[in-house]
Amino acid sequence: MDKGFVFEYAVIRIVPRVEKEEFINAGVIVFCKRPEFLGVKIHLHSNKVLALDAEADLVEIEKHLKAFEHIAHGIDTKSPVARLDAPSRFRWLAARRSTVVQTSPTHTGICSEPQKLLEKLFEMYVL
């Protein structure tokens, strides 16, 4: 009997003013080695970001989120990271950083359907 697949996930955060360490959840990234799955779902709550920093550059934040998404899906051909395999792309995207777009610590678990898990985590943490 199959008990499911090991997965890892991180929540994508927007930190408009890094020095204040306040953030808004903007997405989720999920990685499953078997079956190979790397999924990302993003939604920017502009009004919440502006509540934390009225001068936040939403256009620039959207560009960073789009780049994050393109790297996750391996479609940004200009980026050497986007050309890496799925596990390496996940590790690079989920690495801790001190920028406007950050991720939470990585969490693990077991699931049977990674795409459904992505949707559930997105609903729980972002919507």
Protein backbone atom coordinates (compact mmCIF):
# COMPACT_ATOMS: atom_id res chain seq x y z
CA MET A 1 0.00 0.00 0.00
CA ASP A 2 1.38 3.39 -1.03
CA LYS A 3 1.48 5.82 1.89
CA GLY A 4 2.24 8.86 -0.27
CA PHE A 5 5.17 10.96 -1.29
CA VAL A 6 7.59 13.03 0.77
CA PHE A 7 7.21 16.72 -0.01
CA GLU A 8 8.82 19.98 1.01
CA TYR A 9 7.28 23.41 0.90
CA ALA A 10 7.99 27.01 1.77
CA VAL A 11 5.74 30.05 1.95
CA ILE A 12 6.77 32.98 -0.25
CA ARG A 13 6.76 36.24 1.66
CA ILE A 14 6.90 39.90 0.75
CA VAL A 15 8.94 41.94 3.21
CA PRO A 16 8.53 45.54 2.00
CA ARG A 17 10.90 46.95 4.63
CA VAL A 18 13.44 44.30 5.52
CA GLU A 19 14.64 46.16 8.60
CA LYS A 20 11.13 45.96 10.13
CA GLU A 21 10.81 42.20 9.48
CA GLU A 22 7.05 42.50 8.77
CA PHE A 23 5.77 40.36 5.94
CA ILE A 24 2.76 39.38 3.86
CA ASN A 25 2.40 35.84 2.50
CA ALA A 26 2.30 35.97 -1.30
CA GLY A 27 2.62 32.36 -2.41
CA VAL A 28 3.69 28.79 -1.82
CA ILE A 29 6.29 26.58 -3.48
CA VAL A 30 6.04 22.78 -3.21
CA PHE A 31 8.62 20.18 -4.22
CA CYS A 32 8.12 16.42 -4.43
CA LYS A 33 10.97 14.21 -5.66
CA ARG A 34 8.67 11.31 -6.61
CA PRO A 35 6.65 11.98 -8.60
CA GLU A 36 8.84 14.84 -9.74
CA PHE A 37 6.83 17.94 -9.00
CA LEU A 38 7.81 21.56 -8.48
CA GLY A 39 4.83 23.83 -8.24
CA VAL A 40 4.38 27.44 -7.26
CA LYS A 41 1.30 29.56 -6.81
CA ILE A 42 1.50 33.31 -6.20
CA HIS A 43 -0.91 36.12 -5.43
CA LEU A 44 0.18 39.60 -4.37
CA HIS A 45 -2.14 41.36 -1.91
CA SER A 46 -1.14 44.87 -2.97
CA ASN A 47 -3.27 46.62 -0.37
CA LYS A 48 -1.66 44.61 2.44
CA VAL A 49 1.85 45.37 1.16
CA LEU A 50 1.01 49.08 0.99
CA ALA A 51 -0.36 48.92 4.54
CA LEU A 52 3.11 47.84 5.68
CA ASP A 53 4.92 50.33 3.45
CA ALA A 54 2.99 53.02 1.58
CA GLU A 55 6.03 53.59 -0.66
CA ALA A 56 6.52 49.94 -1.66
CA ASP A 57 7.29 49.53 -5.36
CA LEU A 58 4.54 47.10 -6.38
CA VAL A 59 5.74 46.94 -9.99
CA GLU A 60 9.21 45.85 -8.87
CA ILE A 61 7.76 43.34 -6.40
CA GLU A 62 5.58 41.87 -9.18
CA LYS A 63 8.69 41.52 -11.38
CA HIS A 64 10.52 39.64 -8.64
CA LEU A 65 7.54 37.35 -8.08
CA LYS A 66 7.27 36.66 -11.81
CA ALA A 67 11.00 35.81 -11.92
CA PHE A 68 10.49 33.49 -8.93
CA GLU A 69 7.68 31.77 -10.81
CA HIS A 70 9.69 31.48 -14.05
CA ILE A 71 12.65 29.95 -12.24
CA ALA A 72 10.40 27.46 -10.43
CA HIS A 73 8.91 26.37 -13.76
CA GLY A 74 12.30 26.39 -15.50
CA ILE A 75 11.12 28.79 -18.21
CA ASP A 76 13.46 31.75 -17.65
CA THR A 77 16.08 30.81 -20.24
CA LYS A 78 18.28 33.77 -19.29
CA SER A 79 18.70 32.48 -15.76
CA PRO A 80 21.26 29.75 -15.12
CA VAL A 81 19.22 28.74 -12.05
CA ALA A 82 16.14 28.09 -14.20
CA ARG A 83 18.16 25.57 -16.19
CA LEU A 84 18.95 23.48 -13.11
CA ASP A 85 16.98 20.35 -12.22
CA ALA A 86 13.82 20.69 -10.11
CA PRO A 87 15.43 19.81 -6.74
CA SER A 88 18.18 22.39 -7.27
CA ARG A 89 15.70 25.07 -8.35
CA PHE A 90 13.62 24.43 -5.23
CA ARG A 91 16.67 24.62 -2.95
CA TRP A 92 17.80 27.88 -4.59
CA LEU A 93 14.34 29.46 -4.35
CA ALA A 94 13.75 28.31 -0.76
CA ALA A 95 17.19 29.47 0.47
CA ARG A 96 17.11 32.07 3.22
CA ARG A 97 17.75 35.61 2.03
CA SER A 98 17.34 39.16 3.22
CA THR A 99 15.44 40.77 0.36
CA VAL A 100 11.93 41.97 -0.36
CA VAL A 101 10.93 38.48 -1.61
CA GLN A 102 11.80 35.81 0.96
CA THR A 103 10.65 32.32 1.88
CA SER A 104 9.71 30.79 5.19
CA PRO A 105 11.74 27.93 6.61
CA THR A 106 11.16 24.74 4.62
CA HIS A 107 8.60 22.29 5.99
CA THR A 108 8.15 18.61 5.10
CA GLY A 109 5.41 16.04 5.10
CA ILE A 110 3.79 13.23 3.12
CA CYS A 111 1.08 13.70 0.52
CA SER A 112 -0.60 11.66 -2.19
CA GLU A 113 -1.32 14.46 -4.70
CA PRO A 114 1.24 17.30 -4.84
CA GLN A 115 -0.91 19.61 -7.00
CA LYS A 116 -3.84 19.35 -4.58
CA LEU A 117 -1.44 19.96 -1.70
CA LEU A 118 -0.17 23.13 -3.42
CA GLU A 119 -3.74 24.39 -3.77
CA LYS A 120 -4.54 23.58 -0.12
CA LEU A 121 -1.39 25.27 1.23
CA PHE A 122 -2.03 28.31 -0.98
CA GLU A 123 -5.55 28.62 0.37
CA MET A 124 -4.36 28.20 3.98
CA TYR A 125 -1.42 30.59 3.91
CA VAL A 126 -2.11 33.14 1.19
CA LEU A 127 -5.82 33.59 0.58
